[in-house]
């Protein structure tokens, strides 16, 4: 891990990653764009305002991105231009490529999540050690109190009764022993116990077991939630890959909606991680002031500063109490030694019974020594070195490993938000393109060729008896006979001419009418036999041919021939002629 910069919180040096300095130099400004103090103070409204402005930067990027995407989709809705067939391959490759990049960015969040989890777990473990030390100190003071109250004081009372029961002739010695006992009782109750109880009271509020457990549970929930969100985002990325593989427009539209939600989520997480990175870096630059303010609500400020800084040049806040307690214990031990020497001189040692002076003195000496050992244990637990070591461990884990993990989460969220934006943009372009492609293919396949258009124009002005009106491609009965019931007029659907689903254009151009030339069709002479077939037989009567146009039926009422009545068709024996713009019909045009 690359390190640079140090934070001096005591005689020891705590390392921190370079991200701390980098994010700490982020401008802290208020709503009037004036710089504010960058000292970590989450309860200050001014500091909260500066963090809110910093966190609003990704939110602004999200709003701008949504506006640009909205404008793009509005422009795409009005775009009906055909696309090249090869462009869909390029879009597919881009979608798959950016989907892989997005999965990689989301994978970084998994790594960052593990870094944060390990760092916070180490910090929680160190805080548990600190809490265990505080709990041990409380137990040690309670043990000392019980030793004095349940053992030493009752033994002093028993020893006093024994002295009064076994009186000696030297009243001065007996009075000295009784005064020594009162002196010992006074030192024990008024000095020794009071000072130890004061120490216990000073540290009683330092137990943070509930807060540490809550921190551990919260971190576990955050770790699981981050993994769950990352998994959901990865599944959303898989949706676009499935849509590309299946060439499914519906799947791509689904991803466009899900990707938009994922983009909003990623940019929202970016705001959260950016604020967390800046705030954590501000705290890591100088964590003591904030912790002193918070711990002063539980213990005195001197005690908080003593353990957080552990400055050897500053005296311990417990020195006075420990000194008084140790002096009282030493005075009790000295008085007991004097009484023991006098008892050895003036009282006879009896080994048979324990209810004599010497066995009582032995018990008093054992309890006094036990009290001194308990007091020494309390003094050792009150030293700042061991507790401050765990504090440095928690600080290093937070400002080094956890800080790096938060930065990785920030980079992953920002990169994923940008990549999801690109994916939504390309996907929207792709499924709109797929819609155009299908429409273009249908329209291109449904539009008739130039040859069919000319045949349609001839068919519209051809009588039913003419071969052009009855010839059709193989198909259903309706295709073979365009005049079946329900087929409509001659301007209806012409499936028989090779144009499925084709209807005559609304604004199609009708060639200008030309004067009829009897018996000719573009300069060629035709004769009609009795069956209405085309040919050049000598026995067929000539007919007058009407011009091609929409009003052919109207002209047919004004032109009559003198041919035989059995050979006249619906157009009174007149056939439409082709204008100069249309080709001459050949037999190959119908078969």
Foldseek 3Di string as FASTA:
>chain_A
DDWDDWAALAPDIFTFHPLLVVLQPDFQAAPVRDGDDSAQDVVDPSNVRSLVVQLCPLVVVLVVLVVVLVVVLVVLVPDQDADDPPVLVVLLVVLVVLLVVLLVLLVLLLVLLVLQLVLLVLLLVLVVVLLVLLVVLLVLLVVLVCLCPVAQVVLLVLLLVQPVVDDDPPVVLSVLLVVLSVLLVCLVPVAQNVLSVVVSQQSVLVNDVVVSVVSNVVSVVVSVVSVVLSVVVNVLSVLVNVCSVVVDLVSLVVSLVVLSVLLVVLSSVLSVLSSVLSSLSSCLNPVLVVQLVVCCVRHNSQLSSCQRHVYPVDDHPSPVSLVRNLVSLVSSLVSLVVSQVSCVVRPDDDPPDCSHNNVSSVSNNVSSVVSVVSSVVSVVSSRNPVSSVSVSSSSNSCSHRSSVSSVSSSSSSVSSSVSSSVSSSSSSVNSSSVVSVVVVVVVVQQDDDPLLVLLLLQCLQFFCLELSVQFFDDDDPCRRHCPDPPNDHSQGANVRSVRGPDGDDPPDDDDDWDQKDKQDAVRHGWFQDLSRYTDDDPPGDIGIAGEGDPCQQVVLVVDEDPGDPSNQTSSRRYGYHDDPVHDDDDPVSRD
